């Protein structure tokens, strides 16, 4: 149980880092900011649908959190490069 809570807390911290990177990118404006906002909205819709379907089919919350952390890490890596 504490492992799941730890993973949730890590997800929250990692997500905050991605939010910071996205806000900085969007503050610069331009086409790349618009593309980032569109990508973010599409990713959130997809992640919500995938997570809901996985939970309905019996996957554990921990596995869903692990998947989200992978997505957040990929976004952090991509945004840090730009």
PDB file of N, CA and C in Angstrom:
ATOM      1  N   UNK A   1       0.800  -1.194   0.000  1.00  0.00           N
ATOM      2  CA  UNK A   1       0.000   0.000   0.000  1.00  0.00           C
ATOM      3  C   UNK A   1       0.850   1.267   0.000  1.00  0.00           C
ATOM      4  N   UNK A   2       1.909   1.287   0.797  1.00  0.00           N
ATOM      5  CA  UNK A   2       2.753   2.473   0.839  1.00  0.00           C
ATOM      6  C   UNK A   2       3.488   2.672  -0.477  1.00  0.00           C
ATOM      7  N   UNK A   3       3.735   1.579  -1.202  1.00  0.00           N
ATOM      8  CA  UNK A   3       4.371   1.694  -2.513  1.00  0.00           C
ATOM      9  C   UNK A   3       3.498   2.467  -3.478  1.00  0.00           C
ATOM     10  N   UNK A   4       2.197   2.208  -3.441  1.00  0.00           N
ATOM     11  CA  UNK A   4       1.269   2.920  -4.313  1.00  0.00           C
ATOM     12  C   UNK A   4       1.214   4.393  -3.943  1.00  0.00           C
ATOM     13  N   UNK A   5       1.147   4.699  -2.654  1.00  0.00           N
ATOM     14  CA  UNK A   5       1.126   6.093  -2.223  1.00  0.00           C
ATOM     15  C   UNK A   5       2.404   6.807  -2.631  1.00  0.00           C
ATOM     16  N   UNK A   6       3.522   6.133  -2.480  1.00  0.00           N
ATOM     17  CA  UNK A   6       4.794   6.729  -2.875  1.00  0.00           C
ATOM     18  C   UNK A   6       4.793   7.039  -4.366  1.00  0.00           C
ATOM     19  N   UNK A   7       4.292   6.102  -5.172  1.00  0.00           N
ATOM     20  CA  UNK A   7       4.240   6.321  -6.618  1.00  0.00           C
ATOM     21  C   UNK A   7       3.302   7.470  -6.967  1.00  0.00           C
ATOM     22  N   UNK A   8       2.185   7.595  -6.253  1.00  0.00           N
ATOM     23  CA  UNK A   8       1.273   8.710  -6.491  1.00  0.00           C
ATOM     24  C   UNK A   8       1.918  10.052  -6.148  1.00  0.00           C
ATOM     25  N   UNK A   9       2.658  10.087  -5.044  1.00  0.00           N
ATOM     26  CA  UNK A   9       3.353  11.316  -4.671  1.00  0.00           C
ATOM     27  C   UNK A   9       4.428  11.674  -5.683  1.00  0.00           C
ATOM     28  N   UNK A  10       5.142  10.680  -6.176  1.00  0.00           N
ATOM     29  CA  UNK A  10       6.151  10.926  -7.207  1.00  0.00           C
ATOM     30  C   UNK A  10       5.502  11.426  -8.492  1.00  0.00           C
ATOM     31  N   UNK A  11       4.373  10.837  -8.852  1.00  0.00           N
ATOM     32  CA  UNK A  11       3.649  11.285 -10.045  1.00  0.00           C
ATOM     33  C   UNK A  11       3.241  12.750  -9.895  1.00  0.00           C
ATOM     34  N   UNK A  12       2.788  13.135  -8.722  1.00  0.00           N
ATOM     35  CA  UNK A  12       2.393  14.525  -8.493  1.00  0.00           C
ATOM     36  C   UNK A  12       3.576  15.468  -8.666  1.00  0.00           C
ATOM     37  N   UNK A  13       4.720  15.110  -8.103  1.00  0.00           N
ATOM     38  CA  UNK A  13       5.912  15.955  -8.214  1.00  0.00           C
ATOM     39  C   UNK A  13       6.407  16.020  -9.654  1.00  0.00           C
ATOM     40  N   UNK A  14       6.438  14.878 -10.325  1.00  0.00           N
ATOM     41  CA  UNK A  14       6.908  14.847 -11.714  1.00  0.00           C
ATOM     42  C   UNK A  14       5.957  15.606 -12.631  1.00  0.00           C
ATOM     43  N   UNK A  15       4.675  15.500 -12.363  1.00  0.00           N
ATOM     44  CA  UNK A  15       3.683  16.227 -13.162  1.00  0.00           C
ATOM     45  C   UNK A  15       3.841  17.732 -12.983  1.00  0.00           C
ATOM     46  N   UNK A  16       4.136  18.160 -11.778  1.00  0.00           N
ATOM     47  CA  UNK A  16       4.339  19.585 -11.534  1.00  0.00           C
ATOM     48  C   UNK A  16       5.513  20.110 -12.338  1.00  0.00           C
ATOM     49  N   UNK A  17       6.559  19.309 -12.464  1.00  0.00           N
ATOM     50  CA  UNK A  17       7.721  19.700 -13.266  1.00  0.00           C
ATOM     51  C   UNK A  17       7.318  19.883 -14.730  1.00  0.00           C
ATOM     52  N   UNK A  18       6.506  18.975 -15.253  1.00  0.00           N
ATOM     53  CA  UNK A  18       6.047  19.081 -16.643  1.00  0.00           C
ATOM     54  C   UNK A  18       5.154  20.307 -16.809  1.00  0.00           C
ATOM     55  N   UNK A  19       4.319  20.581 -15.822  1.00  0.00           N
ATOM     56  CA  UNK A  19       3.477  21.781 -15.887  1.00  0.00           C
ATOM     57  C   UNK A  19       4.353  23.028 -15.963  1.00  0.00           C
ATOM     58  N   UNK A  20       5.399  23.083 -15.149  1.00  0.00           N
ATOM     59  CA  UNK A  20       6.324  24.219 -15.186  1.00  0.00           C
ATOM     60  C   UNK A  20       6.945  24.384 -16.569  1.00  0.00           C
ATOM     61  N   UNK A  21       7.392  23.276 -17.153  1.00  0.00           N
ATOM     62  CA  UNK A  21       8.003  23.335 -18.479  1.00  0.00           C
ATOM     63  C   UNK A  21       6.997  23.787 -19.533  1.00  0.00           C
ATOM     64  N   UNK A  22       5.771  23.305 -19.435  1.00  0.00           N
ATOM     65  CA  UNK A  22       4.739  23.690 -20.406  1.00  0.00           C
ATOM     66  C   UNK A  22       4.367  25.162 -20.264  1.00  0.00           C
ATOM     67  N   UNK A  23       4.249  25.650 -19.050  1.00  0.00           N
ATOM     68  CA  UNK A  23       3.929  27.062 -18.841  1.00  0.00           C
ATOM     69  C   UNK A  23       5.035  27.936 -19.426  1.00  0.00           C
ATOM     70  N   UNK A  24       6.282  27.543 -19.215  1.00  0.00           N
ATOM     71  CA  UNK A  24       7.401  28.314 -19.763  1.00  0.00           C
ATOM     72  C   UNK A  24       7.351  28.327 -21.289  1.00  0.00           C
ATOM     73  N   UNK A  25       7.057  27.186 -21.881  1.00  0.00           N
ATOM     74  CA  UNK A  25       6.980  27.116 -23.344  1.00  0.00           C
ATOM     75  C   UNK A  25       5.824  27.953 -23.867  1.00  0.00           C
ATOM     76  N   UNK A  26       4.688  27.875 -23.211  1.00  0.00           N
ATOM     77  CA  UNK A  26       3.512  28.621 -23.659  1.00  0.00           C
ATOM     78  C   UNK A  26       3.692  30.125 -23.450  1.00  0.00           C
ATOM     79  N   UNK A  27       4.467  30.509 -22.457  1.00  0.00           N
ATOM     80  CA  UNK A  27       4.710  31.928 -22.209  1.00  0.00           C
ATOM     81  C   UNK A  27       5.476  32.576 -23.359  1.00  0.00           C
ATOM     82  N   UNK A  28       6.251  31.763 -24.074  1.00  0.00           N
ATOM     83  CA  UNK A  28       6.996  32.291 -25.212  1.00  0.00           C
ATOM     84  C   UNK A  28       6.079  32.575 -26.400  1.00  0.00           C
ATOM     85  N   UNK A  29       4.930  31.931 -26.431  1.00  0.00           N
ATOM     86  CA  UNK A  29       3.964  32.156 -27.496  1.00  0.00           C
ATOM     87  C   UNK A  29       4.406  31.536 -28.809  1.00  0.00           C
ATOM     88  N   UNK A  30       3.720  31.886 -29.858  1.00  0.00           N
ATOM     89  CA  UNK A  30       4.046  31.407 -31.188  1.00  0.00           C
ATOM     90  C   UNK A  30       3.381  30.086 -31.515  1.00  0.00           C
ATOM     91  N   UNK A  31       3.772  29.572 -32.661  1.00  0.00           N
ATOM     92  CA  UNK A  31       3.191  28.336 -33.180  1.00  0.00           C
ATOM     93  C   UNK A  31       3.504  27.155 -32.262  1.00  0.00           C
ATOM     94  N   UNK A  32       4.719  27.093 -31.736  1.00  0.00           N
ATOM     95  CA  UNK A  32       5.082  25.950 -30.891  1.00  0.00           C
ATOM     96  C   UNK A  32       4.252  25.916 -29.609  1.00  0.00           C
ATOM     97  N   UNK A  33       3.872  27.083 -29.097  1.00  0.00           N
ATOM     98  CA  UNK A  33       3.027  27.120 -27.901  1.00  0.00           C
ATOM     99  C   UNK A  33       1.634  26.576 -28.217  1.00  0.00           C
ATOM    100  N   UNK A  34       1.093  26.962 -29.360  1.00  0.00           N
ATOM    101  CA  UNK A  34      -0.212  26.471 -29.773  1.00  0.00           C
ATOM    102  C   UNK A  34      -0.177  24.957 -29.984  1.00  0.00           C
ATOM    103  N   UNK A  35       0.868  24.473 -30.638  1.00  0.00           N
ATOM    104  CA  UNK A  35       1.010  23.028 -30.861  1.00  0.00           C
ATOM    105  C   UNK A  35       1.125  22.279 -29.538  1.00  0.00           C
ATOM    106  N   UNK A  36       1.830  22.856 -28.580  1.00  0.00           N
ATOM    107  CA  UNK A  36       1.988  22.216 -27.268  1.00  0.00           C
ATOM    108  C   UNK A  36       0.644  22.110 -26.547  1.00  0.00           C
ATOM    109  N   UNK A  37      -0.142  23.156 -26.626  1.00  0.00           N
ATOM    110  CA  UNK A  37      -1.461  23.133 -25.976  1.00  0.00           C
ATOM    111  C   UNK A  37      -2.377  22.098 -26.631  1.00  0.00           C
ATOM    112  N   UNK A  38      -2.332  22.007 -27.958  1.00  0.00           N
ATOM    113  CA  UNK A  38      -3.145  21.014 -28.656  1.00  0.00           C
ATOM    114  C   UNK A  38      -2.692  19.599 -28.306  1.00  0.00           C
ATOM    115  N   UNK A  39      -1.375  19.394 -28.244  1.00  0.00           N
ATOM    116  CA  UNK A  39      -0.832  18.086 -27.877  1.00  0.00           C
ATOM    117  C   UNK A  39      -1.232  17.722 -26.453  1.00  0.00           C
ATOM    118  N   UNK A  40      -1.145  18.686 -25.553  1.00  0.00           N
ATOM    119  CA  UNK A  40      -1.492  18.434 -24.159  1.00  0.00           C
ATOM    120  C   UNK A  40      -2.953  17.998 -24.037  1.00  0.00           C
ATOM    121  N   UNK A  41      -3.846  18.705 -24.707  1.00  0.00           N
ATOM    122  CA  UNK A  41      -5.277  18.357 -24.626  1.00  0.00           C
ATOM    123  C   UNK A  41      -5.531  16.967 -25.200  1.00  0.00           C
ATOM    124  N   UNK A  42      -4.925  16.660 -26.334  1.00  0.00           N
ATOM    125  CA  UNK A  42      -5.109  15.342 -26.945  1.00  0.00           C
ATOM    126  C   UNK A  42      -4.566  14.241 -26.039  1.00  0.00           C
ATOM    127  N   UNK A  43      -3.381  14.472 -25.444  1.00  0.00           N
ATOM    128  CA  UNK A  43      -2.783  13.477 -24.546  1.00  0.00           C
ATOM    129  C   UNK A  43      -3.664  13.228 -23.324  1.00  0.00           C
ATOM    130  N   UNK A  44      -4.226  14.281 -22.770  1.00  0.00           N
ATOM    131  CA  UNK A  44      -5.048  14.122 -21.568  1.00  0.00           C
ATOM    132  C   UNK A  44      -6.325  13.341 -21.868  1.00  0.00           C
ATOM    133  N   UNK A  45      -6.951  13.625 -23.001  1.00  0.00           N
ATOM    134  CA  UNK A  45      -8.141  12.868 -23.384  1.00  0.00           C
ATOM    135  C   UNK A  45      -7.813  11.395 -23.584  1.00  0.00           C
ATOM    136  N   UNK A  46      -6.724  11.130 -24.305  1.00  0.00           N
ATOM    137  CA  UNK A  46      -6.342   9.746 -24.557  1.00  0.00           C
ATOM    138  C   UNK A  46      -5.979   9.025 -23.266  1.00  0.00           C
ATOM    139  N   UNK A  47      -5.191   9.681 -22.412  1.00  0.00           N
ATOM    140  CA  UNK A  47      -4.773   9.048 -21.161  1.00  0.00           C
ATOM    141  C   UNK A  47      -5.974   8.743 -20.270  1.00  0.00           C
ATOM    142  N   UNK A  48      -6.938   9.645 -20.234  1.00  0.00           N
ATOM    143  CA  UNK A  48      -8.135   9.409 -19.431  1.00  0.00           C
ATOM    144  C   UNK A  48      -8.931   8.211 -19.921  1.00  0.00           C
ATOM    145  N   UNK A  49      -9.086   8.120 -21.244  1.00  0.00           N
ATOM    146  CA  UNK A  49      -9.844   6.992 -21.796  1.00  0.00           C
ATOM    147  C   UNK A  49      -9.118   5.671 -21.582  1.00  0.00           C
ATOM    148  N   UNK A  50      -7.810   5.667 -21.799  1.00  0.00           N
ATOM    149  CA  UNK A  50      -7.030   4.438 -21.619  1.00  0.00           C
ATOM    150  C   UNK A  50      -7.050   4.005 -20.160  1.00  0.00           C
ATOM    151  N   UNK A  51      -6.859   4.954 -19.253  1.00  0.00           N
ATOM    152  CA  UNK A  51      -6.850   4.622 -17.820  1.00  0.00           C
ATOM    153  C   UNK A  51      -8.196   4.083 -17.366  1.00  0.00           C
ATOM    154  N   UNK A  52      -9.271   4.731 -17.791  1.00  0.00           N
ATOM    155  CA  UNK A  52     -10.604   4.271 -17.399  1.00  0.00           C
ATOM    156  C   UNK A  52     -10.867   2.861 -17.909  1.00  0.00           C
ATOM    157  N   UNK A  53     -10.502   2.607 -19.147  1.00  0.00           N
ATOM    158  CA  UNK A  53     -10.749   1.265 -19.689  1.00  0.00           C
ATOM    159  C   UNK A  53      -9.881   0.218 -18.998  1.00  0.00           C
ATOM    160  N   UNK A  54      -8.640   0.576 -18.667  1.00  0.00           N
ATOM    161  CA  UNK A  54      -7.776  -0.375 -17.963  1.00  0.00           C
ATOM    162  C   UNK A  54      -8.314  -0.683 -16.571  1.00  0.00           C
ATOM    163  N   UNK A  55      -8.789   0.339 -15.864  1.00  0.00           N
ATOM    164  CA  UNK A  55      -9.337   0.114 -14.531  1.00  0.00           C
ATOM    165  C   UNK A  55     -10.612  -0.719 -14.593  1.00  0.00           C
ATOM    166  N   UNK A  56     -11.433  -0.492 -15.625  1.00  0.00           N
ATOM    167  CA  UNK A  56     -12.673  -1.260 -15.762  1.00  0.00           C
ATOM    168  C   UNK A  56     -12.409  -2.721 -16.102  1.00  0.00           C
ATOM    169  N   UNK A  57     -11.254  -2.994 -16.696  1.00  0.00           N
ATOM    170  CA  UNK A  57     -10.941  -4.388 -17.035  1.00  0.00           C
ATOM    171  C   UNK A  57     -10.136  -5.083 -15.949  1.00  0.00           C
ATOM    172  N   UNK A  58      -9.923  -4.394 -14.823  1.00  0.00           N
ATOM    173  CA  UNK A  58      -9.305  -5.051 -13.683  1.00  0.00           C
ATOM    174  C   UNK A  58      -7.839  -4.766 -13.449  1.00  0.00           C
ATOM    175  N   UNK A  59      -7.248  -3.841 -14.179  1.00  0.00           N
ATOM    176  CA  UNK A  59      -5.846  -3.501 -13.921  1.00  0.00           C
ATOM    177  C   UNK A  59      -5.739  -2.787 -12.577  1.00  0.00           C
ATOM    178  N   UNK A  60      -4.597  -2.908 -11.977  1.00  0.00           N
ATOM    179  CA  UNK A  60      -4.403  -2.268 -10.675  1.00  0.00           C
ATOM    180  C   UNK A  60      -4.158  -0.771 -10.839  1.00  0.00           C
ATOM    181  N   UNK A  61      -4.464  -0.038  -9.789  1.00  0.00           N
ATOM    182  CA  UNK A  61      -4.206   1.398  -9.787  1.00  0.00           C
ATOM    183  C   UNK A  61      -2.711   1.646  -9.929  1.00  0.00           C
ATOM    184  N   UNK A  62      -1.931   0.807  -9.298  1.00  0.00           N
ATOM    185  CA  UNK A  62      -0.474   0.976  -9.363  1.00  0.00           C
ATOM    186  C   UNK A  62       0.048   0.872 -10.792  1.00  0.00           C
ATOM    187  N   UNK A  63      -0.500  -0.052 -11.576  1.00  0.00           N
ATOM    188  CA  UNK A  63      -0.037  -0.177 -12.965  1.00  0.00           C
ATOM    189  C   UNK A  63      -0.453   1.033 -13.799  1.00  0.00           C
ATOM    190  N   UNK A  64      -1.617   1.593 -13.511  1.00  0.00           N
ATOM    191  CA  UNK A  64      -2.058   2.798 -14.216  1.00  0.00           C
ATOM    192  C   UNK A  64      -1.152   3.978 -13.846  1.00  0.00           C
ATOM    193  N   UNK A  65      -0.816   4.104 -12.576  1.00  0.00           N
ATOM    194  CA  UNK A  65       0.087   5.168 -12.134  1.00  0.00           C
ATOM    195  C   UNK A  65       1.456   4.999 -12.789  1.00  0.00           C
ATOM    196  N   UNK A  66       1.936   3.778 -12.879  1.00  0.00           N
ATOM    197  CA  UNK A  66       3.217   3.526 -13.541  1.00  0.00           C
ATOM    198  C   UNK A  66       3.181   3.985 -15.004  1.00  0.00           C
ATOM    199  N   UNK A  67       2.080   3.716 -15.682  1.00  0.00           N
ATOM    200  CA  UNK A  67       1.938   4.152 -17.072  1.00  0.00           C
ATOM    201  C   UNK A  67       1.948   5.674 -17.170  1.00  0.00           C
ATOM    202  N   UNK A  68       1.202   6.336 -16.286  1.00  0.00           N
ATOM    203  CA  UNK A  68       1.179   7.797 -16.272  1.00  0.00           C
ATOM    204  C   UNK A  68       2.579   8.355 -16.023  1.00  0.00           C
ATOM    205  N   UNK A  69       3.307   7.742 -15.114  1.00  0.00           N
ATOM    206  CA  UNK A  69       4.668   8.226 -14.830  1.00  0.00           C
ATOM    207  C   UNK A  69       5.559   8.104 -16.053  1.00  0.00           C
ATOM    208  N   UNK A  70       5.366   7.059 -16.841  1.00  0.00           N
ATOM    209  CA  UNK A  70       6.134   6.916 -18.079  1.00  0.00           C
ATOM    210  C   UNK A  70       5.806   8.015 -19.072  1.00  0.00           C
ATOM    211  N   UNK A  71       4.529   8.355 -19.182  1.00  0.00           N
ATOM    212  CA  UNK A  71       4.107   9.426 -20.084  1.00  0.00           C
ATOM    213  C   UNK A  71       4.657  10.768 -19.607  1.00  0.00           C
ATOM    214  N   UNK A  72       4.587  10.999 -18.307  1.00  0.00           N
ATOM    215  CA  UNK A  72       5.098  12.249 -17.742  1.00  0.00           C
ATOM    216  C   UNK A  72       6.601  12.363 -17.969  1.00  0.00           C
ATOM    217  N   UNK A  73       7.328  11.274 -17.795  1.00  0.00           N
ATOM    218  CA  UNK A  73       8.770  11.288 -18.026  1.00  0.00           C
ATOM    219  C   UNK A  73       9.083  11.608 -19.480  1.00  0.00           C
ATOM    220  N   UNK A  74       8.344  11.018 -20.403  1.00  0.00           N
ATOM    221  CA  UNK A  74       8.555  11.287 -21.832  1.00  0.00           C
ATOM    222  C   UNK A  74       8.297  12.766 -22.135  1.00  0.00           C
ATOM    223  N   UNK A  75       7.238  13.326 -21.557  1.00  0.00           N
ATOM    224  CA  UNK A  75       6.953  14.742 -21.770  1.00  0.00           C
ATOM    225  C   UNK A  75       8.038  15.628 -21.169  1.00  0.00           C
ATOM    226  N   UNK A  76       8.511  15.296 -19.992  1.00  0.00           N
ATOM    227  CA  UNK A  76       9.569  16.086 -19.352  1.00  0.00           C
ATOM    228  C   UNK A  76      10.828  16.073 -20.207  1.00  0.00           C
ATOM    229  N   UNK A  77      11.173  14.925 -20.732  1.00  0.00           N
ATOM    230  CA  UNK A  77      12.363  14.804 -21.574  1.00  0.00           C
ATOM    231  C   UNK A  77      12.204  15.640 -22.838  1.00  0.00           C
ATOM    232  N   UNK A  78      11.045  15.517 -23.477  1.00  0.00           N
ATOM    233  CA  UNK A  78      10.792  16.251 -24.723  1.00  0.00           C
ATOM    234  C   UNK A  78      10.795  17.768 -24.484  1.00  0.00           C
ATOM    235  N   UNK A  79      10.141  18.213 -23.421  1.00  0.00           N
ATOM    236  CA  UNK A  79      10.047  19.636 -23.155  1.00  0.00           C
ATOM    237  C   UNK A  79      11.379  20.236 -22.690  1.00  0.00           C
ATOM    238  N   UNK A  80      12.177  19.457 -22.009  1.00  0.00           N
ATOM    239  CA  UNK A  80      13.476  19.954 -21.542  1.00  0.00           C
ATOM    240  C   UNK A  80      14.424  20.208 -22.714  1.00  0.00           C
ATOM    241  N   UNK A  81      14.235  19.446 -23.801  1.00  0.00           N
ATOM    242  CA  UNK A  81      15.083  19.641 -24.985  1.00  0.00           C
ATOM    243  C   UNK A  81      14.733  20.916 -25.734  1.00  0.00           C
ATOM    244  N   UNK A  82      13.472  21.338 -25.658  1.00  0.00           N
ATOM    245  CA  UNK A  82      13.048  22.496 -26.465  1.00  0.00           C
ATOM    246  C   UNK A  82      13.240  23.809 -25.745  1.00  0.00           C
TER     247      UNK A  82
END
